[in-house]
Amino acid sequence: MSSLKQREKLFYNHNTLASDELSEFWTRGHEWITRYDESLQSVHGVDFTDLICGVHRLFQNPDIRKRWRGRYRYFCR
């Protein structure tokens, strides 16, 4: 089999596999995410998204922003 044919076959197989996995995620992804979030909460854990969103929510409070702005010049300019 030629090198081009091998690459085409590999590309087709990869896309088919990715499509199958994506289809399963669309079907059951909500369950997985819910279980993931519940498991994080059960151990009082956070992931990267929680850290970023938590800091963003925290700095929506003007008093907290003012306190940290006074501590660090480059905060919340």
N, C-alpha and C. Protein backbone atom coordinates (compact mmCIF):
# COMPACT_ATOMS: atom_id res chain seq x y z
N MET A 1 0.85 -1.17 0.00
CA MET A 1 0.00 0.00 0.00
C MET A 1 0.90 1.23 0.00
N SER A 2 0.53 2.23 -0.76
CA SER A 2 1.36 3.43 -0.84
C SER A 2 1.25 4.24 0.45
N SER A 3 2.23 5.07 0.63
CA SER A 3 2.27 5.90 1.83
C SER A 3 1.05 6.82 1.90
N LEU A 4 0.66 7.36 0.76
CA LEU A 4 -0.51 8.24 0.72
C LEU A 4 -1.77 7.48 1.10
N LYS A 5 -1.92 6.30 0.60
CA LYS A 5 -3.10 5.47 0.93
C LYS A 5 -3.12 5.15 2.43
N GLN A 6 -1.96 4.87 2.99
CA GLN A 6 -1.89 4.57 4.43
C GLN A 6 -2.30 5.79 5.25
N ARG A 7 -1.83 6.95 4.83
CA ARG A 7 -2.20 8.17 5.56
C ARG A 7 -3.69 8.47 5.43
N GLU A 8 -4.24 8.26 4.24
CA GLU A 8 -5.68 8.48 4.04
C GLU A 8 -6.50 7.53 4.92
N LYS A 9 -6.07 6.29 4.99
CA LYS A 9 -6.78 5.30 5.81
C LYS A 9 -6.69 5.68 7.29
N LEU A 10 -5.51 6.08 7.73
CA LEU A 10 -5.32 6.48 9.12
C LEU A 10 -6.19 7.70 9.44
N PHE A 11 -6.23 8.66 8.53
CA PHE A 11 -7.03 9.86 8.73
C PHE A 11 -8.51 9.49 8.81
N TYR A 12 -8.97 8.65 7.92
CA TYR A 12 -10.38 8.23 7.92
C TYR A 12 -10.71 7.49 9.22
N ASN A 13 -9.86 6.57 9.64
CA ASN A 13 -10.10 5.83 10.87
C ASN A 13 -10.13 6.75 12.08
N HIS A 14 -9.22 7.71 12.12
CA HIS A 14 -9.17 8.65 13.24
C HIS A 14 -10.45 9.49 13.28
N ASN A 15 -10.88 9.99 12.14
CA ASN A 15 -12.10 10.81 12.10
C ASN A 15 -13.32 9.99 12.49
N THR A 16 -13.38 8.75 12.06
CA THR A 16 -14.51 7.89 12.41
C THR A 16 -14.51 7.65 13.92
N LEU A 17 -13.35 7.36 14.47
CA LEU A 17 -13.23 7.13 15.91
C LEU A 17 -13.62 8.39 16.67
N ALA A 18 -13.11 9.54 16.26
CA ALA A 18 -13.44 10.80 16.93
C ALA A 18 -14.93 11.08 16.85
N SER A 19 -15.53 10.79 15.71
CA SER A 19 -16.96 11.01 15.54
C SER A 19 -17.76 10.10 16.47
N ASP A 20 -17.35 8.84 16.59
CA ASP A 20 -18.03 7.91 17.49
C ASP A 20 -17.93 8.36 18.94
N GLU A 21 -16.74 8.80 19.34
CA GLU A 21 -16.55 9.26 20.72
C GLU A 21 -17.37 10.52 20.99
N LEU A 22 -17.42 11.42 20.02
CA LEU A 22 -18.19 12.64 20.18
C LEU A 22 -19.68 12.32 20.28
N SER A 23 -20.13 11.36 19.50
CA SER A 23 -21.53 10.95 19.55
C SER A 23 -21.87 10.42 20.94
N GLU A 24 -20.97 9.62 21.51
CA GLU A 24 -21.21 9.10 22.85
C GLU A 24 -21.20 10.22 23.88
N PHE A 25 -20.32 11.20 23.70
CA PHE A 25 -20.29 12.33 24.62
C PHE A 25 -21.60 13.10 24.57
N TRP A 26 -22.12 13.35 23.37
CA TRP A 26 -23.38 14.08 23.25
C TRP A 26 -24.52 13.31 23.91
N THR A 27 -24.44 11.99 23.87
CA THR A 27 -25.49 11.17 24.46
C THR A 27 -25.38 11.09 25.97
N ARG A 28 -24.16 10.90 26.49
CA ARG A 28 -23.98 10.63 27.91
C ARG A 28 -23.11 11.65 28.64
N GLY A 29 -22.66 12.67 27.94
CA GLY A 29 -21.74 13.64 28.52
C GLY A 29 -22.29 14.34 29.76
N HIS A 30 -23.57 14.66 29.73
CA HIS A 30 -24.17 15.34 30.88
C HIS A 30 -24.06 14.48 32.14
N GLU A 31 -24.27 13.19 31.99
CA GLU A 31 -24.12 12.27 33.14
C GLU A 31 -22.68 12.29 33.66
N TRP A 32 -21.71 12.24 32.74
CA TRP A 32 -20.30 12.21 33.14
C TRP A 32 -19.92 13.49 33.87
N ILE A 33 -20.35 14.62 33.33
CA ILE A 33 -20.01 15.90 33.93
C ILE A 33 -20.66 16.03 35.30
N THR A 34 -21.91 15.59 35.41
CA THR A 34 -22.60 15.64 36.70
C THR A 34 -21.86 14.80 37.74
N ARG A 35 -21.48 13.58 37.37
CA ARG A 35 -20.74 12.72 38.30
C ARG A 35 -19.38 13.33 38.67
N TYR A 36 -18.72 13.91 37.68
CA TYR A 36 -17.43 14.56 37.92
C TYR A 36 -17.59 15.70 38.93
N ASP A 37 -18.58 16.56 38.72
CA ASP A 37 -18.82 17.68 39.64
C ASP A 37 -19.18 17.19 41.03
N GLU A 38 -20.00 16.15 41.11
CA GLU A 38 -20.37 15.59 42.41
C GLU A 38 -19.16 15.01 43.14
N SER A 39 -18.29 14.34 42.40
CA SER A 39 -17.10 13.76 43.03
C SER A 39 -16.16 14.86 43.53
N LEU A 40 -16.04 15.94 42.77
CA LEU A 40 -15.21 17.06 43.23
C LEU A 40 -15.79 17.66 44.51
N GLN A 41 -17.09 17.88 44.52
CA GLN A 41 -17.73 18.46 45.70
C GLN A 41 -17.59 17.56 46.91
N SER A 42 -17.65 16.25 46.72
CA SER A 42 -17.59 15.32 47.86
C SER A 42 -16.25 15.36 48.58
N VAL A 43 -15.19 15.80 47.88
CA VAL A 43 -13.88 15.90 48.52
C VAL A 43 -13.44 17.37 48.66
N HIS A 44 -14.41 18.28 48.48
CA HIS A 44 -14.15 19.72 48.56
C HIS A 44 -13.05 20.11 47.58
N GLY A 45 -13.08 19.52 46.40
CA GLY A 45 -12.07 19.78 45.39
C GLY A 45 -12.52 20.81 44.38
N VAL A 46 -11.58 21.36 43.68
CA VAL A 46 -11.85 22.29 42.58
C VAL A 46 -10.97 21.91 41.40
N ASP A 47 -11.43 22.28 40.24
CA ASP A 47 -10.60 22.08 39.05
C ASP A 47 -10.23 23.46 38.51
N PHE A 48 -9.54 23.49 37.39
CA PHE A 48 -9.03 24.75 36.85
C PHE A 48 -10.17 25.72 36.54
N THR A 49 -11.25 25.24 35.97
CA THR A 49 -12.38 26.10 35.65
C THR A 49 -12.96 26.72 36.92
N ASP A 50 -13.08 25.93 37.98
CA ASP A 50 -13.58 26.46 39.25
C ASP A 50 -12.67 27.57 39.77
N LEU A 51 -11.37 27.40 39.64
CA LEU A 51 -10.43 28.42 40.10
C LEU A 51 -10.60 29.72 39.33
N ILE A 52 -10.66 29.62 38.02
CA ILE A 52 -10.79 30.82 37.19
C ILE A 52 -12.13 31.51 37.44
N CYS A 53 -13.21 30.75 37.41
CA CYS A 53 -14.55 31.33 37.59
C CYS A 53 -14.73 31.85 39.01
N GLY A 54 -14.17 31.15 39.99
CA GLY A 54 -14.27 31.59 41.37
C GLY A 54 -13.59 32.93 41.60
N VAL A 55 -12.42 33.11 41.04
CA VAL A 55 -11.71 34.38 41.16
C VAL A 55 -12.49 35.48 40.46
N HIS A 56 -13.03 35.17 39.31
CA HIS A 56 -13.83 36.16 38.57
C HIS A 56 -15.04 36.60 39.39
N ARG A 57 -15.76 35.63 39.97
CA ARG A 57 -16.92 35.97 40.81
C ARG A 57 -16.50 36.77 42.03
N LEU A 58 -15.39 36.40 42.62
CA LEU A 58 -14.89 37.08 43.81
C LEU A 58 -14.63 38.56 43.52
N PHE A 59 -14.00 38.85 42.40
CA PHE A 59 -13.65 40.23 42.08
C PHE A 59 -14.80 41.04 41.50
N GLN A 60 -15.98 40.48 41.43
CA GLN A 60 -17.16 41.25 41.08
C GLN A 60 -17.59 42.13 42.26
N ASN A 61 -17.16 41.76 43.46
CA ASN A 61 -17.47 42.51 44.67
C ASN A 61 -16.54 43.72 44.75
N PRO A 62 -17.10 44.96 44.74
CA PRO A 62 -16.24 46.16 44.75
C PRO A 62 -15.34 46.26 45.98
N ASP A 63 -15.80 45.81 47.15
CA ASP A 63 -14.98 45.89 48.36
C ASP A 63 -13.76 44.98 48.26
N ILE A 64 -13.96 43.80 47.74
CA ILE A 64 -12.84 42.86 47.58
C ILE A 64 -11.86 43.38 46.53
N ARG A 65 -12.40 43.92 45.44
CA ARG A 65 -11.53 44.50 44.41
C ARG A 65 -10.69 45.63 44.99
N LYS A 66 -11.31 46.51 45.78
CA LYS A 66 -10.60 47.65 46.36
C LYS A 66 -9.50 47.17 47.31
N ARG A 67 -9.82 46.16 48.12
CA ARG A 67 -8.83 45.64 49.06
C ARG A 67 -7.60 45.10 48.34
N TRP A 68 -7.83 44.30 47.30
CA TRP A 68 -6.72 43.70 46.57
C TRP A 68 -6.01 44.71 45.69
N ARG A 69 -6.73 45.70 45.19
CA ARG A 69 -6.09 46.74 44.38
C ARG A 69 -5.10 47.53 45.23
N GLY A 70 -5.45 47.74 46.49
CA GLY A 70 -4.54 48.45 47.38
C GLY A 70 -3.30 47.64 47.71
N ARG A 71 -3.41 46.35 47.63
CA ARG A 71 -2.29 45.46 47.96
C ARG A 71 -1.34 45.27 46.77
N TYR A 72 -1.89 45.20 45.58
CA TYR A 72 -1.11 44.97 44.37
C TYR A 72 -1.49 46.01 43.32
N ARG A 73 -0.55 46.75 42.83
CA ARG A 73 -0.84 47.83 41.89
C ARG A 73 -1.48 47.34 40.59
N TYR A 74 -1.11 46.17 40.15
CA TYR A 74 -1.56 45.70 38.83
C TYR A 74 -2.88 44.96 38.87
N PHE A 75 -3.52 44.87 40.01
CA PHE A 75 -4.82 44.19 40.12
C PHE A 75 -5.94 45.13 39.70
N CYS A 76 -6.85 44.65 38.87
CA CYS A 76 -8.12 45.32 38.57
C CYS A 76 -7.97 46.75 38.07
N ARG A 77 -7.05 46.99 37.21
CA ARG A 77 -6.91 48.34 36.66
C ARG A 77 -7.84 48.55 35.52
